[in-house]
Amino acid sequence: MVAGYTIAYAVLLITGARLGERLGYGRVFQHGLLLFTFSSLACGLAPDTAALIGFRVAQGVGAALMVPQVMSLIQRIFSGASRVRALSVYTAVLATGGLAGQVLGGCWSARTCWAPAGVRSSW
C-alpha cells in the first residue's frame, strides 16, 4: 500500500516539474492539490484494499504534481541566505504536518468506534 504512493510519486516527480514549467506553477499545483485531496477522501472511504491501493497511487500522482511547484518557486524567488531560510521553513512545515497527521489520526481512530472502510482495510 505504501509502495504504490512512493512509486507514483518518484516516477512522476520530474514530469510534474516539467509540467509546471510549461503550464504554469500555480495551475499545476492546483490540479495536484485537487487530485491529492479527493484521493485522500477516496482512501478514507475505500470499500476494500484494492481500491485503497489505487487511491494511494492517485495520491502519489497528486503529490508529484504539487511538490515540484513549491520547490521551483522557492528556487526562483529566493537566493542566498533567504533561500536557505525558505527551504528550512518548508521542510519544517512538511515534517510537522507528517507528524501531526500520524498522531492525530491515531488518536482519532483509537477513540472512535466508527472507522471508514479504507481505515478498516489497512488494519
Protein backbone atom coordinates (compact mmCIF):
# COMPACT_ATOMS: atom_id res chain seq x y z
CA MET A 1 0.00 0.00 0.00
CA VAL A 2 2.76 2.47 0.89
CA ALA A 3 4.84 1.45 -2.13
CA GLY A 4 2.10 2.50 -4.59
CA TYR A 5 2.22 6.07 -3.34
CA THR A 6 6.01 6.19 -3.28
CA ILE A 7 6.42 4.66 -6.73
CA ALA A 8 3.89 7.02 -8.35
CA TYR A 9 5.47 9.99 -6.60
CA ALA A 10 9.04 9.06 -7.52
CA VAL A 11 8.30 8.18 -11.13
CA LEU A 12 6.30 11.35 -11.84
CA LEU A 13 8.28 13.92 -9.84
CA ILE A 14 10.36 15.16 -12.79
CA THR A 15 7.30 15.10 -15.05
CA GLY A 16 5.46 17.27 -12.51
CA ALA A 17 8.31 19.78 -12.57
CA ARG A 18 8.29 19.90 -16.37
CA LEU A 19 4.52 20.37 -16.46
CA GLY A 20 4.88 23.28 -14.05
CA GLU A 21 7.39 24.95 -16.35
CA ARG A 22 5.18 24.50 -19.39
CA LEU A 23 1.68 25.05 -17.99
CA GLY A 24 2.39 27.34 -15.06
CA TYR A 25 3.35 26.54 -11.48
CA GLY A 26 0.10 27.70 -9.92
CA ARG A 27 -2.11 25.81 -12.34
CA VAL A 28 -0.25 22.50 -11.95
CA PHE A 29 -0.12 22.94 -8.16
CA GLN A 30 -3.89 23.47 -8.00
CA HIS A 31 -4.56 20.39 -10.11
CA GLY A 32 -2.22 18.33 -7.93
CA LEU A 33 -3.88 19.66 -4.78
CA LEU A 34 -7.34 18.73 -6.06
CA LEU A 35 -6.20 15.25 -7.06
CA PHE A 36 -4.44 14.70 -3.73
CA THR A 37 -7.41 15.97 -1.69
CA PHE A 38 -10.03 13.89 -3.48
CA SER A 39 -7.75 10.85 -3.45
CA SER A 40 -7.35 11.27 0.32
CA LEU A 41 -11.12 11.32 0.74
CA ALA A 42 -11.42 8.28 -1.52
CA CYS A 43 -8.78 6.45 0.56
CA GLY A 44 -10.81 7.01 3.70
CA LEU A 45 -13.97 5.74 2.02
CA ALA A 46 -12.37 2.87 0.08
CA PRO A 47 -14.55 -0.25 0.11
CA ASP A 48 -11.62 -2.69 0.02
CA THR A 49 -7.86 -2.97 0.00
CA ALA A 50 -7.52 -2.94 -3.79
CA ALA A 51 -9.40 0.36 -4.06
CA LEU A 52 -7.32 1.78 -1.22
CA ILE A 53 -4.10 0.90 -3.04
CA GLY A 54 -5.39 2.50 -6.23
CA PHE A 55 -6.34 5.69 -4.42
CA ARG A 56 -2.92 5.78 -2.72
CA VAL A 57 -1.33 5.67 -6.20
CA ALA A 58 -3.54 8.61 -7.19
CA GLN A 59 -2.34 10.44 -4.06
CA GLY A 60 1.24 9.91 -5.20
CA VAL A 61 0.40 11.41 -8.59
CA GLY A 62 -1.14 14.45 -6.89
CA ALA A 63 1.92 14.88 -4.67
CA ALA A 64 4.20 14.59 -7.71
CA LEU A 65 2.30 17.48 -9.26
CA MET A 66 2.40 19.67 -6.12
CA VAL A 67 5.88 19.33 -4.60
CA PRO A 68 7.98 20.38 -7.63
CA GLN A 69 5.98 23.59 -7.98
CA VAL A 70 6.81 24.68 -4.45
CA MET A 71 10.47 23.77 -4.82
CA SER A 72 10.70 25.55 -8.19
CA LEU A 73 9.16 28.72 -6.82
CA ILE A 74 11.49 28.72 -3.83
CA GLN A 75 14.46 28.34 -6.18
CA ARG A 76 13.25 31.14 -8.46
CA ILE A 77 12.14 33.65 -5.81
CA PHE A 78 14.80 33.30 -3.12
CA SER A 79 18.59 33.39 -3.21
CA GLY A 80 21.43 33.07 -0.73
CA ALA A 81 20.52 33.02 2.95
CA SER A 82 16.85 33.73 2.28
CA ARG A 83 16.66 30.58 0.10
CA VAL A 84 18.15 28.52 2.92
CA ARG A 85 15.60 30.01 5.32
CA ALA A 86 12.70 29.35 2.91
CA LEU A 87 13.76 25.73 2.38
CA SER A 88 14.14 25.30 6.14
CA VAL A 89 10.65 26.61 6.81
CA TYR A 90 9.23 24.42 4.02
CA THR A 91 10.95 21.34 5.45
CA ALA A 92 9.79 22.14 8.99
CA VAL A 93 6.19 22.55 7.86
CA LEU A 94 6.27 19.23 5.97
CA ALA A 95 7.80 17.38 8.92
CA THR A 96 5.35 18.89 11.41
CA GLY A 97 2.39 18.09 9.16
CA GLY A 98 3.53 14.50 8.70
CA LEU A 99 3.98 14.00 12.41
CA ALA A 100 0.73 15.73 13.39
CA GLY A 101 -1.24 13.70 10.83
CA GLN A 102 0.05 10.42 12.20
CA VAL A 103 -0.56 11.35 15.83
CA LEU A 104 -3.99 12.91 15.31
CA GLY A 105 -5.11 10.08 13.02
CA GLY A 106 -4.05 7.50 15.59
CA CYS A 107 -5.84 9.34 18.41
CA TRP A 108 -8.97 9.75 16.31
CA SER A 109 -9.18 6.11 15.26
CA ALA A 110 -8.38 4.86 18.79
CA ARG A 111 -11.14 6.95 20.39
CA THR A 112 -14.00 6.31 17.97
CA CYS A 113 -15.96 3.19 17.10
CA TRP A 114 -16.55 4.42 13.60
CA ALA A 115 -13.88 3.74 11.03
CA PRO A 116 -14.38 4.03 7.28
CA ALA A 117 -13.67 1.03 5.12
CA GLY A 118 -10.35 2.49 3.95
CA VAL A 119 -9.15 2.65 7.53
CA ARG A 120 -10.51 -0.81 8.36
CA SER A 121 -8.90 -2.41 5.33
CA SER A 122 -5.47 -1.12 6.36
CA TRP A 123 -5.66 -2.78 9.81
